[in-house]
Amino acid sequence: MLRNGLEPWHLLVVAIFAIVLFGSRKLPDTARALGKSMRILKSEAKAMKDDDAAAVPEAIRTASAEASTTGTAPTD
């Protein structure tokens, strides 16, 4: 049944179904809202990744400072 995967006519049927279900006037607004949501998600994921990358050097500095005051080497 799913041997051929998605074919172009499958996408055509889905597009026609969406037009009938939502109406042609609401589809641009829906697409715009979906695009905005995807951009927000992407920027938040990038911000989280940047925060994690910034936290690692800070942790290394903290461990080095503690090691210099105690006289022991930091462990990984």
PDB file of N, CA and C in Angstrom:
ATOM      1  N   MET A   1       0.822  -1.187   0.000  1.00  0.00           N
ATOM      2  CA  MET A   1       0.000   0.000   0.000  1.00  0.00           C
ATOM      3  C   MET A   1       0.868   1.254   0.000  1.00  0.00           C
ATOM      4  N   LEU A   2       1.843   1.329   0.893  1.00  0.00           N
ATOM      5  CA  LEU A   2       2.725   2.491   0.942  1.00  0.00           C
ATOM      6  C   LEU A   2       4.018   2.245   0.177  1.00  0.00           C
ATOM      7  N   ARG A   3       3.957   1.327  -0.745  1.00  0.00           N
ATOM      8  CA  ARG A   3       5.145   0.950  -1.485  1.00  0.00           C
ATOM      9  C   ARG A   3       5.731   2.115  -2.272  1.00  0.00           C
ATOM     10  N   ASN A   4       4.872   2.927  -2.883  1.00  0.00           N
ATOM     11  CA  ASN A   4       5.342   4.022  -3.720  1.00  0.00           C
ATOM     12  C   ASN A   4       5.480   5.335  -2.961  1.00  0.00           C
ATOM     13  N   GLY A   5       5.064   5.386  -1.726  1.00  0.00           N
ATOM     14  CA  GLY A   5       5.175   6.613  -0.947  1.00  0.00           C
ATOM     15  C   GLY A   5       4.219   7.675  -1.462  1.00  0.00           C
ATOM     16  N   LEU A   6       4.588   8.918  -1.276  1.00  0.00           N
ATOM     17  CA  LEU A   6       3.752  10.022  -1.742  1.00  0.00           C
ATOM     18  C   LEU A   6       4.031  10.298  -3.214  1.00  0.00           C
ATOM     19  N   GLU A   7       2.982  10.365  -3.969  1.00  0.00           N
ATOM     20  CA  GLU A   7       3.085  10.707  -5.377  1.00  0.00           C
ATOM     21  C   GLU A   7       2.437  12.070  -5.575  1.00  0.00           C
ATOM     22  N   PRO A   8       2.699  12.720  -6.685  1.00  0.00           N
ATOM     23  CA  PRO A   8       2.147  14.060  -6.910  1.00  0.00           C
ATOM     24  C   PRO A   8       0.629  14.134  -6.786  1.00  0.00           C
ATOM     25  N   TRP A   9      -0.092  13.122  -7.176  1.00  0.00           N
ATOM     26  CA  TRP A   9      -1.545  13.193  -7.106  1.00  0.00           C
ATOM     27  C   TRP A   9      -2.025  13.141  -5.659  1.00  0.00           C
ATOM     28  N   HIS A  10      -1.221  12.524  -4.762  1.00  0.00           N
ATOM     29  CA  HIS A  10      -1.567  12.535  -3.334  1.00  0.00           C
ATOM     30  C   HIS A  10      -1.562  13.969  -2.805  1.00  0.00           C
ATOM     31  N   LEU A  11      -0.528  14.716  -3.177  1.00  0.00           N
ATOM     32  CA  LEU A  11      -0.430  16.109  -2.743  1.00  0.00           C
ATOM     33  C   LEU A  11      -1.566  16.947  -3.320  1.00  0.00           C
ATOM     34  N   LEU A  12      -1.969  16.648  -4.538  1.00  0.00           N
ATOM     35  CA  LEU A  12      -3.086  17.361  -5.159  1.00  0.00           C
ATOM     36  C   LEU A  12      -4.383  17.107  -4.396  1.00  0.00           C
ATOM     37  N   VAL A  13      -4.608  15.875  -3.998  1.00  0.00           N
ATOM     38  CA  VAL A  13      -5.807  15.538  -3.228  1.00  0.00           C
ATOM     39  C   VAL A  13      -5.796  16.252  -1.881  1.00  0.00           C
ATOM     40  N   VAL A  14      -4.644  16.294  -1.219  1.00  0.00           N
ATOM     41  CA  VAL A  14      -4.536  16.978   0.070  1.00  0.00           C
ATOM     42  C   VAL A  14      -4.783  18.477  -0.104  1.00  0.00           C
ATOM     43  N   ALA A  15      -4.244  19.071  -1.162  1.00  0.00           N
ATOM     44  CA  ALA A  15      -4.452  20.503  -1.418  1.00  0.00           C
ATOM     45  C   ALA A  15      -5.922  20.807  -1.673  1.00  0.00           C
ATOM     46  N   ILE A  16      -6.585  19.985  -2.454  1.00  0.00           N
ATOM     47  CA  ILE A  16      -8.014  20.198  -2.730  1.00  0.00           C
ATOM     48  C   ILE A  16      -8.828  20.040  -1.439  1.00  0.00           C
ATOM     49  N   PHE A  17      -8.485  19.056  -0.646  1.00  0.00           N
ATOM     50  CA  PHE A  17      -9.170  18.847   0.621  1.00  0.00           C
ATOM     51  C   PHE A  17      -9.001  20.061   1.538  1.00  0.00           C
ATOM     52  N   ALA A  18      -7.793  20.614   1.598  1.00  0.00           N
ATOM     53  CA  ALA A  18      -7.539  21.779   2.448  1.00  0.00           C
ATOM     54  C   ALA A  18      -8.335  22.986   1.961  1.00  0.00           C
ATOM     55  N   ILE A  19      -8.416  23.175   0.653  1.00  0.00           N
ATOM     56  CA  ILE A  19      -9.177  24.310   0.104  1.00  0.00           C
ATOM     57  C   ILE A  19     -10.652  24.162   0.430  1.00  0.00           C
ATOM     58  N   VAL A  20     -11.163  22.954   0.288  1.00  0.00           N
ATOM     59  CA  VAL A  20     -12.584  22.730   0.588  1.00  0.00           C
ATOM     60  C   VAL A  20     -12.849  22.876   2.080  1.00  0.00           C
ATOM     61  N   LEU A  21     -11.968  22.333   2.906  1.00  0.00           N
ATOM     62  CA  LEU A  21     -12.169  22.353   4.345  1.00  0.00           C
ATOM     63  C   LEU A  21     -12.046  23.761   4.930  1.00  0.00           C
ATOM     64  N   PHE A  22     -10.998  24.482   4.581  1.00  0.00           N
ATOM     65  CA  PHE A  22     -10.740  25.780   5.183  1.00  0.00           C
ATOM     66  C   PHE A  22     -11.252  26.958   4.360  1.00  0.00           C
ATOM     67  N   GLY A  23     -11.458  26.758   3.100  1.00  0.00           N
ATOM     68  CA  GLY A  23     -11.856  27.860   2.242  1.00  0.00           C
ATOM     69  C   GLY A  23     -10.638  28.595   1.727  1.00  0.00           C
ATOM     70  N   SER A  24     -10.761  29.158   0.547  1.00  0.00           N
ATOM     71  CA  SER A  24      -9.602  29.799  -0.086  1.00  0.00           C
ATOM     72  C   SER A  24      -9.222  31.109   0.581  1.00  0.00           C
ATOM     73  N   ARG A  25     -10.117  31.713   1.340  1.00  0.00           N
ATOM     74  CA  ARG A  25      -9.799  33.003   1.976  1.00  0.00           C
ATOM     75  C   ARG A  25      -8.960  32.832   3.236  1.00  0.00           C
ATOM     76  N   LYS A  26      -9.097  31.719   3.922  1.00  0.00           N
ATOM     77  CA  LYS A  26      -8.360  31.525   5.163  1.00  0.00           C
ATOM     78  C   LYS A  26      -6.997  30.871   4.959  1.00  0.00           C
ATOM     79  N   LEU A  27      -6.749  30.275   3.813  1.00  0.00           N
ATOM     80  CA  LEU A  27      -5.485  29.577   3.593  1.00  0.00           C
ATOM     81  C   LEU A  27      -4.267  30.506   3.641  1.00  0.00           C
ATOM     82  N   PRO A  28      -4.278  31.691   3.039  1.00  0.00           N
ATOM     83  CA  PRO A  28      -3.096  32.560   3.157  1.00  0.00           C
ATOM     84  C   PRO A  28      -2.801  32.964   4.602  1.00  0.00           C
ATOM     85  N   ASP A  29      -3.850  33.259   5.362  1.00  0.00           N
ATOM     86  CA  ASP A  29      -3.646  33.621   6.769  1.00  0.00           C
ATOM     87  C   ASP A  29      -3.090  32.440   7.563  1.00  0.00           C
ATOM     88  N   THR A  30      -3.593  31.266   7.276  1.00  0.00           N
ATOM     89  CA  THR A  30      -3.115  30.066   7.952  1.00  0.00           C
ATOM     90  C   THR A  30      -1.656  29.802   7.605  1.00  0.00           C
ATOM     91  N   ALA A  31      -1.304  29.936   6.335  1.00  0.00           N
ATOM     92  CA  ALA A  31       0.081  29.723   5.906  1.00  0.00           C
ATOM     93  C   ALA A  31       1.002  30.765   6.533  1.00  0.00           C
ATOM     94  N   ARG A  32       0.552  32.002   6.616  1.00  0.00           N
ATOM     95  CA  ARG A  32       1.346  33.065   7.220  1.00  0.00           C
ATOM     96  C   ARG A  32       1.585  32.787   8.708  1.00  0.00           C
ATOM     97  N   ALA A  33       0.542  32.362   9.399  1.00  0.00           N
ATOM     98  CA  ALA A  33       0.668  32.047  10.829  1.00  0.00           C
ATOM     99  C   ALA A  33       1.601  30.857  11.038  1.00  0.00           C
ATOM    100  N   LEU A  34       1.512  29.860  10.179  1.00  0.00           N
ATOM    101  CA  LEU A  34       2.392  28.696  10.275  1.00  0.00           C
ATOM    102  C   LEU A  34       3.847  29.100  10.048  1.00  0.00           C
ATOM    103  N   GLY A  35       4.089  29.941   9.056  1.00  0.00           N
ATOM    104  CA  GLY A  35       5.447  30.415   8.789  1.00  0.00           C
ATOM    105  C   GLY A  35       6.008  31.214   9.948  1.00  0.00           C
ATOM    106  N   LYS A  36       5.178  32.073  10.539  1.00  0.00           N
ATOM    107  CA  LYS A  36       5.623  32.875  11.682  1.00  0.00           C
ATOM    108  C   LYS A  36       5.959  31.963  12.864  1.00  0.00           C
ATOM    109  N   SER A  37       5.124  30.967  13.095  1.00  0.00           N
ATOM    110  CA  SER A  37       5.378  30.025  14.188  1.00  0.00           C
ATOM    111  C   SER A  37       6.678  29.258  13.969  1.00  0.00           C
ATOM    112  N   MET A  38       6.937  28.862  12.737  1.00  0.00           N
ATOM    113  CA  MET A  38       8.165  28.133  12.435  1.00  0.00           C
ATOM    114  C   MET A  38       9.392  29.016  12.641  1.00  0.00           C
ATOM    115  N   ARG A  39       9.301  30.300  12.259  1.00  0.00           N
ATOM    116  CA  ARG A  39      10.417  31.217  12.475  1.00  0.00           C
ATOM    117  C   ARG A  39      10.684  31.414  13.964  1.00  0.00           C
ATOM    118  N   ILE A  40       9.631  31.555  14.745  1.00  0.00           N
ATOM    119  CA  ILE A  40       9.782  31.721  16.193  1.00  0.00           C
ATOM    120  C   ILE A  40      10.432  30.481  16.800  1.00  0.00           C
ATOM    121  N   LEU A  41       9.961  29.307  16.410  1.00  0.00           N
ATOM    122  CA  LEU A  41      10.525  28.054  16.920  1.00  0.00           C
ATOM    123  C   LEU A  41      12.002  27.937  16.566  1.00  0.00           C
ATOM    124  N   LYS A  42      12.343  28.296  15.334  1.00  0.00           N
ATOM    125  CA  LYS A  42      13.728  28.218  14.887  1.00  0.00           C
ATOM    126  C   LYS A  42      14.610  29.182  15.680  1.00  0.00           C
ATOM    127  N   SER A  43      14.134  30.408  15.906  1.00  0.00           N
ATOM    128  CA  SER A  43      14.942  31.377  16.643  1.00  0.00           C
ATOM    129  C   SER A  43      15.099  30.970  18.106  1.00  0.00           C
ATOM    130  N   GLU A  44      14.059  30.415  18.703  1.00  0.00           N
ATOM    131  CA  GLU A  44      14.158  29.960  20.090  1.00  0.00           C
ATOM    132  C   GLU A  44      15.112  28.781  20.219  1.00  0.00           C
ATOM    133  N   ALA A  45      15.076  27.868  19.267  1.00  0.00           N
ATOM    134  CA  ALA A  45      15.996  26.724  19.296  1.00  0.00           C
ATOM    135  C   ALA A  45      17.438  27.200  19.145  1.00  0.00           C
ATOM    136  N   LYS A  46      17.658  28.189  18.285  1.00  0.00           N
ATOM    137  CA  LYS A  46      19.005  28.730  18.099  1.00  0.00           C
ATOM    138  C   LYS A  46      19.464  29.433  19.371  1.00  0.00           C
ATOM    139  N   ALA A  47      18.571  30.168  20.016  1.00  0.00           N
ATOM    140  CA  ALA A  47      18.922  30.864  21.257  1.00  0.00           C
ATOM    141  C   ALA A  47      19.288  29.865  22.354  1.00  0.00           C
ATOM    142  N   MET A  48      18.541  28.771  22.444  1.00  0.00           N
ATOM    143  CA  MET A  48      18.859  27.745  23.441  1.00  0.00           C
ATOM    144  C   MET A  48      20.226  27.126  23.162  1.00  0.00           C
ATOM    145  N   LYS A  49      20.523  26.894  21.882  1.00  0.00           N
ATOM    146  CA  LYS A  49      21.808  26.309  21.506  1.00  0.00           C
ATOM    147  C   LYS A  49      22.947  27.273  21.849  1.00  0.00           C
ATOM    148  N   ASP A  50      22.741  28.573  21.583  1.00  0.00           N
ATOM    149  CA  ASP A  50      23.753  29.572  21.903  1.00  0.00           C
ATOM    150  C   ASP A  50      23.953  29.683  23.411  1.00  0.00           C
ATOM    151  N   ASP A  51      22.871  29.610  24.179  1.00  0.00           N
ATOM    152  CA  ASP A  51      22.976  29.665  25.637  1.00  0.00           C
ATOM    153  C   ASP A  51      23.767  28.480  26.172  1.00  0.00           C
ATOM    154  N   ASP A  52      23.537  27.299  25.610  1.00  0.00           N
ATOM    155  CA  ASP A  52      24.270  26.112  26.042  1.00  0.00           C
ATOM    156  C   ASP A  52      25.750  26.244  25.705  1.00  0.00           C
ATOM    157  N   ALA A  53      26.057  26.793  24.532  1.00  0.00           N
ATOM    158  CA  ALA A  53      27.449  26.961  24.126  1.00  0.00           C
ATOM    159  C   ALA A  53      28.138  27.988  25.013  1.00  0.00           C
ATOM    160  N   ALA A  54      27.436  29.019  25.447  1.00  0.00           N
ATOM    161  CA  ALA A  54      28.019  30.038  26.316  1.00  0.00           C
ATOM    162  C   ALA A  54      28.191  29.511  27.733  1.00  0.00           C
ATOM    163  N   ALA A  55      27.361  28.589  28.155  1.00  0.00           N
ATOM    164  CA  ALA A  55      27.431  28.061  29.511  1.00  0.00           C
ATOM    165  C   ALA A  55      28.631  27.139  29.696  1.00  0.00           C
ATOM    166  N   VAL A  56      29.063  26.478  28.659  1.00  0.00           N
ATOM    167  CA  VAL A  56      30.179  25.540  28.769  1.00  0.00           C
ATOM    168  C   VAL A  56      31.475  26.258  29.128  1.00  0.00           C
ATOM    169  N   PRO A  57      31.885  27.326  28.424  1.00  0.00           N
ATOM    170  CA  PRO A  57      33.119  28.014  28.834  1.00  0.00           C
ATOM    171  C   PRO A  57      33.029  28.591  30.242  1.00  0.00           C
ATOM    172  N   GLU A  58      31.860  29.052  30.645  1.00  0.00           N
ATOM    173  CA  GLU A  58      31.687  29.576  31.987  1.00  0.00           C
ATOM    174  C   GLU A  58      31.918  28.481  33.028  1.00  0.00           C
ATOM    175  N   ALA A  59      31.412  27.293  32.754  1.00  0.00           N
ATOM    176  CA  ALA A  59      31.612  26.172  33.666  1.00  0.00           C
ATOM    177  C   ALA A  59      33.087  25.794  33.741  1.00  0.00           C
ATOM    178  N   ILE A  60      33.776  25.878  32.631  1.00  0.00           N
ATOM    179  CA  ILE A  60      35.208  25.559  32.613  1.00  0.00           C
ATOM    180  C   ILE A  60      35.978  26.592  33.424  1.00  0.00           C
ATOM    181  N   ARG A  61      35.632  27.881  33.273  1.00  0.00           N
ATOM    182  CA  ARG A  61      36.310  28.924  34.053  1.00  0.00           C
ATOM    183  C   ARG A  61      36.063  28.739  35.542  1.00  0.00           C
ATOM    184  N   THR A  62      34.830  28.403  35.898  1.00  0.00           N
ATOM    185  CA  THR A  62      34.497  28.196  37.306  1.00  0.00           C
ATOM    186  C   THR A  62      35.287  27.027  37.876  1.00  0.00           C
ATOM    187  N   ALA A  63      35.369  25.939  37.114  1.00  0.00           N
ATOM    188  CA  ALA A  63      36.116  24.767  37.575  1.00  0.00           C
ATOM    189  C   ALA A  63      37.598  25.089  37.694  1.00  0.00           C
ATOM    190  N   SER A  64      38.144  25.867  36.774  1.00  0.00           N
ATOM    191  CA  SER A  64      39.552  26.241  36.828  1.00  0.00           C
ATOM    192  C   SER A  64      39.825  27.142  38.025  1.00  0.00           C
ATOM    193  N   ALA A  65      38.930  28.072  38.289  1.00  0.00           N
ATOM    194  CA  ALA A  65      39.101  28.971  39.426  1.00  0.00           C
ATOM    195  C   ALA A  65      39.047  28.189  40.735  1.00  0.00           C
ATOM    196  N   GLU A  66      38.155  27.234  40.830  1.00  0.00           N
ATOM    197  CA  GLU A  66      38.057  26.417  42.033  1.00  0.00           C
ATOM    198  C   GLU A  66      39.307  25.565  42.211  1.00  0.00           C
ATOM    199  N   ALA A  67      39.830  25.058  41.106  1.00  0.00           N
ATOM    200  CA  ALA A  67      41.020  24.214  41.171  1.00  0.00           C
ATOM    201  C   ALA A  67      42.226  25.025  41.599  1.00  0.00           C
ATOM    202  N   SER A  68      42.323  26.272  41.151  1.00  0.00           N
ATOM    203  CA  SER A  68      43.479  27.083  41.510  1.00  0.00           C
ATOM    204  C   SER A  68      43.439  27.466  42.985  1.00  0.00           C
ATOM    205  N   THR A  69      42.240  27.612  43.543  1.00  0.00           N
ATOM    206  CA  THR A  69      42.149  27.955  44.958  1.00  0.00           C
ATOM    207  C   THR A  69      42.333  26.749  45.863  1.00  0.00           C
ATOM    208  N   THR A  70      41.970  25.569  45.370  1.00  0.00           N
ATOM    209  CA  THR A  70      42.106  24.360  46.200  1.00  0.00           C
ATOM    210  C   THR A  70      43.394  23.615  45.923  1.00  0.00           C
ATOM    211  N   GLY A  71      44.034  23.925  44.779  1.00  0.00           N
ATOM    212  CA  GLY A  71      45.283  23.258  44.446  1.00  0.00           C
ATOM    213  C   GLY A  71      45.102  21.906  43.788  1.00  0.00           C
ATOM    214  N   THR A  72      43.915  21.603  43.311  1.00  0.00           N
ATOM    215  CA  THR A  72      43.673  20.336  42.623  1.00  0.00           C
ATOM    216  C   THR A  72      43.338  20.622  41.170  1.00  0.00           C
ATOM    217  N   ALA A  73      43.563  19.651  40.335  1.00  0.00           N
ATOM    218  CA  ALA A  73      43.273  19.794  38.914  1.00  0.00           C
ATOM    219  C   ALA A  73      41.800  19.518  38.663  1.00  0.00           C
ATOM    220  N   PRO A  74      41.170  20.261  37.732  1.00  0.00           N
ATOM    221  CA  PRO A  74      39.764  19.985  37.414  1.00  0.00           C
ATOM    222  C   PRO A  74      39.616  18.653  36.707  1.00  0.00           C
ATOM    223  N   THR A  75      38.529  17.967  36.974  1.00  0.00           N
ATOM    224  CA  THR A  75      38.261  16.683  36.317  1.00  0.00           C
ATOM    225  C   THR A  75      37.147  16.861  35.329  1.00  0.00           C
ATOM    226  N   ASP A  76      37.142  16.064  34.262  1.00  0.00           N
ATOM    227  CA  ASP A  76      36.100  16.153  33.235  1.00  0.00           C
ATOM    228  C   ASP A  76      34.913  15.342  33.593  1.00  0.00           C
TER     229      ASP A  76
END
